Protein backbone atom coordinates (compact mmCIF):
# COMPACT_ATOMS: atom_id res chain seq x y z
CA MET A 1 118.73 108.82 95.79
CA ASP A 2 117.48 105.17 95.89
CA CYS A 3 114.66 103.92 93.71
CA VAL A 4 111.89 102.36 95.74
CA LEU A 5 109.93 101.32 92.65
CA GLU A 6 111.04 100.62 89.14
CA ALA A 7 109.07 99.34 86.13
CA ARG A 8 111.03 98.10 83.12
CA HIS A 9 109.22 97.48 79.79
CA ILE A 10 105.89 96.49 81.31
CA ASP A 11 103.39 95.20 78.74
CA LYS A 12 99.90 93.89 79.40
CA HIS A 13 97.17 92.44 77.23
CA PHE A 14 93.50 91.82 78.09
CA ARG A 15 92.74 88.59 76.19
CA LYS A 16 88.94 88.54 76.51
CA PRO A 17 86.60 89.14 74.78
CA VAL A 18 89.19 90.15 72.16
CA ASP A 19 92.94 90.84 72.48
CA PHE A 20 93.49 94.40 73.77
CA HIS A 21 97.01 95.73 74.32
CA VAL A 22 96.35 97.81 77.43
CA LEU A 23 99.90 98.73 78.57
CA LYS A 24 102.71 99.28 76.07
CA ASP A 25 106.41 99.32 77.09
CA ILE A 26 106.01 101.16 80.42
CA SER A 27 109.31 102.11 82.04
CA PHE A 28 109.77 104.59 84.89
CA SER A 29 110.90 104.73 88.51
CA VAL A 30 109.93 106.44 91.76
CA LYS A 31 112.71 107.62 94.05
CA GLN A 32 112.71 107.56 97.83
CA GLY A 33 110.77 110.54 99.19
CA GLU A 34 109.22 111.41 95.80
CA PHE A 35 105.54 112.22 95.38
CA ALA A 36 104.49 111.35 91.81
CA SER A 37 101.06 111.38 90.21
CA ILE A 38 99.73 109.53 87.15
CA MET A 39 97.25 111.29 84.91
CA GLY A 40 95.45 110.43 81.68
CA LYS A 41 91.99 110.01 80.23
CA SER A 42 89.71 107.18 81.44
CA GLY A 43 90.69 103.89 79.89
CA CYS A 44 94.33 104.83 79.22
CA GLY A 45 95.58 102.14 81.58
CA LYS A 46 96.37 104.09 84.79
CA SER A 47 94.58 101.83 87.24
CA THR A 48 95.72 98.70 85.43
CA LEU A 49 99.31 99.91 85.79
CA LEU A 50 98.85 100.68 89.47
CA TYR A 51 97.50 97.18 90.16
CA ILE A 52 100.64 95.70 88.50
CA LEU A 53 102.96 98.05 90.41
CA SER A 54 101.21 97.08 93.71
CA THR A 55 101.82 93.36 92.83
CA MET A 56 98.06 92.66 92.85
CA ASP A 57 98.12 91.82 89.11
CA THR A 58 100.85 89.40 87.98
CA ASP A 59 99.65 88.82 84.43
CA TYR A 60 102.14 90.99 82.46
CA THR A 61 105.51 90.94 80.78
CA GLY A 62 108.47 93.08 81.74
CA GLU A 63 110.12 93.54 85.14
CA LEU A 64 109.02 95.13 88.39
CA PHE A 65 111.52 96.03 91.14
CA ILE A 66 110.66 97.16 94.66
CA ASN A 67 113.60 98.42 96.80
CA GLY A 68 115.96 97.11 94.10
CA GLU A 69 114.62 93.58 94.37
CA LEU A 70 113.06 91.85 91.32
CA ILE A 71 109.42 91.10 92.20
CA THR A 72 108.23 89.71 88.84
CA GLY A 73 107.74 85.93 88.83
CA ARG A 74 107.63 85.54 92.64
CA SER A 75 105.14 83.25 94.36
CA HIS A 76 101.78 84.63 95.54
CA GLN A 77 102.89 84.06 99.09
CA THR A 78 106.03 86.20 98.59
CA LEU A 79 104.05 88.89 96.81
CA SER A 80 101.55 88.97 99.69
CA ARG A 81 104.43 89.52 102.15
CA VAL A 82 105.99 92.25 99.92
CA ARG A 83 102.59 94.00 99.72
CA ASN A 84 102.07 93.81 103.42
CA GLU A 85 105.57 95.05 104.32
CA HIS A 86 106.33 97.60 101.66
CA ILE A 87 103.15 98.92 100.04
CA GLY A 88 100.38 100.99 101.50
CA PHE A 89 97.28 101.34 99.27
CA VAL A 90 94.52 103.89 99.41
CA PHE A 91 91.53 103.36 97.09
CA GLN A 92 88.84 105.75 95.89
CA PHE A 93 86.46 103.86 98.24
CA HIS A 94 87.79 103.36 101.80
CA TYR A 95 86.83 99.63 102.24
CA LEU A 96 86.56 99.94 105.95
CA LEU A 97 84.84 97.15 107.94
CA SER A 98 81.77 99.04 109.14
CA GLU A 99 81.10 96.81 112.20
CA PHE A 100 84.64 97.33 113.49
CA SER A 101 85.93 100.36 115.37
CA VAL A 102 88.23 102.84 113.66
CA LEU A 103 91.10 101.55 115.73
CA GLU A 104 90.44 97.91 114.82
CA ASN A 105 90.31 98.84 111.13
CA VAL A 106 93.69 100.52 111.27
CA MET A 107 95.25 97.61 113.20
CA LEU A 108 94.10 94.88 110.73
CA PRO A 109 97.03 94.85 108.25
CA ALA A 110 99.63 94.78 111.07
CA LYS A 111 97.79 91.93 112.82
CA LYS A 112 97.81 90.08 109.46
CA LEU A 113 101.59 90.66 109.15
CA GLY A 114 102.06 89.38 112.69
CA ALA A 115 105.47 91.01 113.26
CA ARG A 116 104.50 92.90 116.43
CA THR A 117 102.54 92.33 119.63
CA HIS A 118 98.91 93.41 119.87
CA ARG A 119 99.89 96.17 122.28
CA GLU A 120 102.60 97.51 119.98
CA ILE A 121 100.21 97.54 117.03
CA GLU A 122 97.53 99.31 119.03
CA MET A 123 99.93 102.00 120.21
CA ASP A 124 101.18 102.58 116.66
CA ALA A 125 97.58 102.66 115.32
CA ARG A 126 96.63 105.32 117.88
CA GLU A 127 99.79 107.32 116.91
CA LYS A 128 98.84 107.17 113.22
CA LEU A 129 95.36 108.35 114.05
CA GLU A 130 96.70 111.23 116.14
CA MET A 131 99.09 112.13 113.30
CA LEU A 132 96.09 112.48 110.97
CA ASN A 133 94.14 114.49 113.63
CA ILE A 134 91.48 111.78 114.13
CA GLY A 135 92.71 110.20 117.37
CA TYR A 136 89.37 111.07 118.96
CA LEU A 137 87.61 108.66 116.58
CA ALA A 138 89.53 105.57 117.70
CA GLU A 139 86.68 103.87 119.53
CA LYS A 140 83.95 104.88 117.14
CA ARG A 141 82.35 102.37 114.77
CA ALA A 142 83.59 102.94 111.23
CA SER A 143 80.00 103.16 110.06
CA ARG A 144 79.41 106.26 112.26
CA ILE A 145 81.98 108.62 110.78
CA SER A 146 81.91 110.99 107.82
CA GLY A 147 83.29 110.32 104.32
CA GLY A 148 86.32 112.55 104.81
CA GLU A 149 87.10 110.90 108.14
CA LYS A 150 86.77 107.44 106.60
CA GLN A 151 89.36 108.29 103.97
CA ARG A 152 91.78 109.52 106.67
CA VAL A 153 91.20 106.21 108.54
CA ALA A 154 92.00 104.37 105.29
CA ILE A 155 95.23 106.38 105.07
CA ALA A 156 96.13 105.47 108.69
CA ARG A 157 95.42 101.81 107.83
CA ALA A 158 97.72 102.02 104.73
CA LEU A 159 100.50 103.39 106.91
CA ILE A 160 100.26 100.92 109.79
CA ASN A 161 103.09 98.64 108.49
CA ASN A 162 105.31 101.61 107.77
CA PRO A 163 105.45 100.99 104.00
CA THR A 164 108.21 102.09 101.67
CA ILE A 165 105.67 103.50 99.19
CA LEU A 166 102.09 104.62 99.43
CA MET A 167 99.95 104.13 96.32
CA GLY A 168 96.60 105.66 95.69
CA ASP A 169 93.92 105.01 93.09
CA GLU A 170 91.82 108.21 92.89
CA PRO A 171 92.02 108.62 96.70
CA THR A 172 90.17 111.96 96.51
CA GLY A 173 87.72 110.87 93.82
CA ASN A 174 84.74 110.63 96.24
CA LEU A 175 85.58 113.68 98.36
CA ASP A 176 84.52 117.30 98.24
CA SER A 177 87.18 119.92 97.58
CA TYR A 178 87.81 120.58 101.34
CA ASN A 179 88.42 116.93 102.18
CA ALA A 180 90.34 116.37 98.92
CA ASP A 181 92.73 119.15 99.87
CA ASN A 182 93.00 117.66 103.37
CA VAL A 183 94.17 114.33 101.88
CA LEU A 184 96.68 116.17 99.61
CA GLN A 185 98.15 118.02 102.63
CA ILE A 186 98.45 114.74 104.54
CA PHE A 187 100.30 113.13 101.62
CA LYS A 188 102.64 116.15 101.32
CA ARG A 189 103.36 115.98 105.06
CA LEU A 190 104.14 112.24 104.90
CA LYS A 191 106.62 112.99 102.12
CA GLU A 192 108.27 115.89 103.87
CA GLU A 193 108.28 114.58 107.46
CA GLN A 194 108.67 110.86 106.98
CA GLY A 195 110.45 110.68 103.56
CA LEU A 196 107.66 108.46 102.26
CA SER A 197 107.37 107.84 98.55
CA LEU A 198 103.91 108.28 96.97
CA LEU A 199 102.44 107.29 93.64
CA VAL A 200 98.87 108.43 93.05
CA VAL A 201 96.52 108.00 90.10
CA THR A 202 94.26 111.04 89.87
CA HIS A 203 91.88 112.92 87.57
CA ASP A 204 92.30 116.09 89.67
CA ILE A 205 94.69 118.44 87.86
CA ASP A 206 95.10 120.71 90.95
CA PHE A 207 96.07 117.68 93.02
CA ALA A 208 98.54 116.53 90.33
CA LYS A 209 100.15 119.96 90.04
CA SER A 210 100.92 119.84 93.75
CA THR A 211 103.02 116.67 93.36
CA ASP A 212 106.71 116.53 92.49
CA ARG A 213 106.12 115.00 89.11
CA ILE A 214 103.23 114.20 86.79
CA ILE A 215 103.45 111.01 84.72
CA GLU A 216 101.12 111.40 81.76
CA MET A 217 99.56 108.37 80.05
CA GLU A 218 97.78 108.05 76.75
CA ASP A 219 96.52 104.86 75.04
CA GLY A 220 98.59 102.59 77.30
CA ARG A 221 101.85 104.50 76.99
CA ILE A 222 103.68 107.00 79.10
CA ILE A 223 103.95 110.15 77.01
CA LYS A 224 105.56 112.36 79.65
CA SER A 225 107.26 111.54 82.92
């Protein structure tokens, strides 16, 4: 099975106010169609690692591969393209544009990528919303829908460019147990039906236990993967 994501000997320091070695020799990979979670106490480096893996943070040593291609050291323009084409990201907070409709929010990353016509993007966005059982919200303003609905819209938006891997930073952190389980079931379905790879940072042990593999971190190291 192909690796969609591989980290080799990733190290990172925060230099200010004092030198802090936040990530220490991180090596692991995520295979195609695998659903992995990252767990560990607050401050152990989980989110920092995720930002490096998603190419948003380039200040590290070591090597990062996406779809077998070395990403480390590439220009910001190349990294932006890689992010847009290959990585979907779901945050703890949905970051929807409240004055836009649900449909417009979902379409945004595809319009930015510019690889398809407006009509193709709109059709795909409506399909993604239907797949997540929120097609009826398409024309609603993003400010007018519930928290659980907003997170599903954020997932649809993360999927609009048909990424290779979906990453999540505490995507259920702001949700009640009903909506958190809803998001988990959506992620499992994406893995099973679409062969999508997922890598999710979570504090929720029940969520983590439902994934294929738990990567445990402690003090900037992976202690179990």
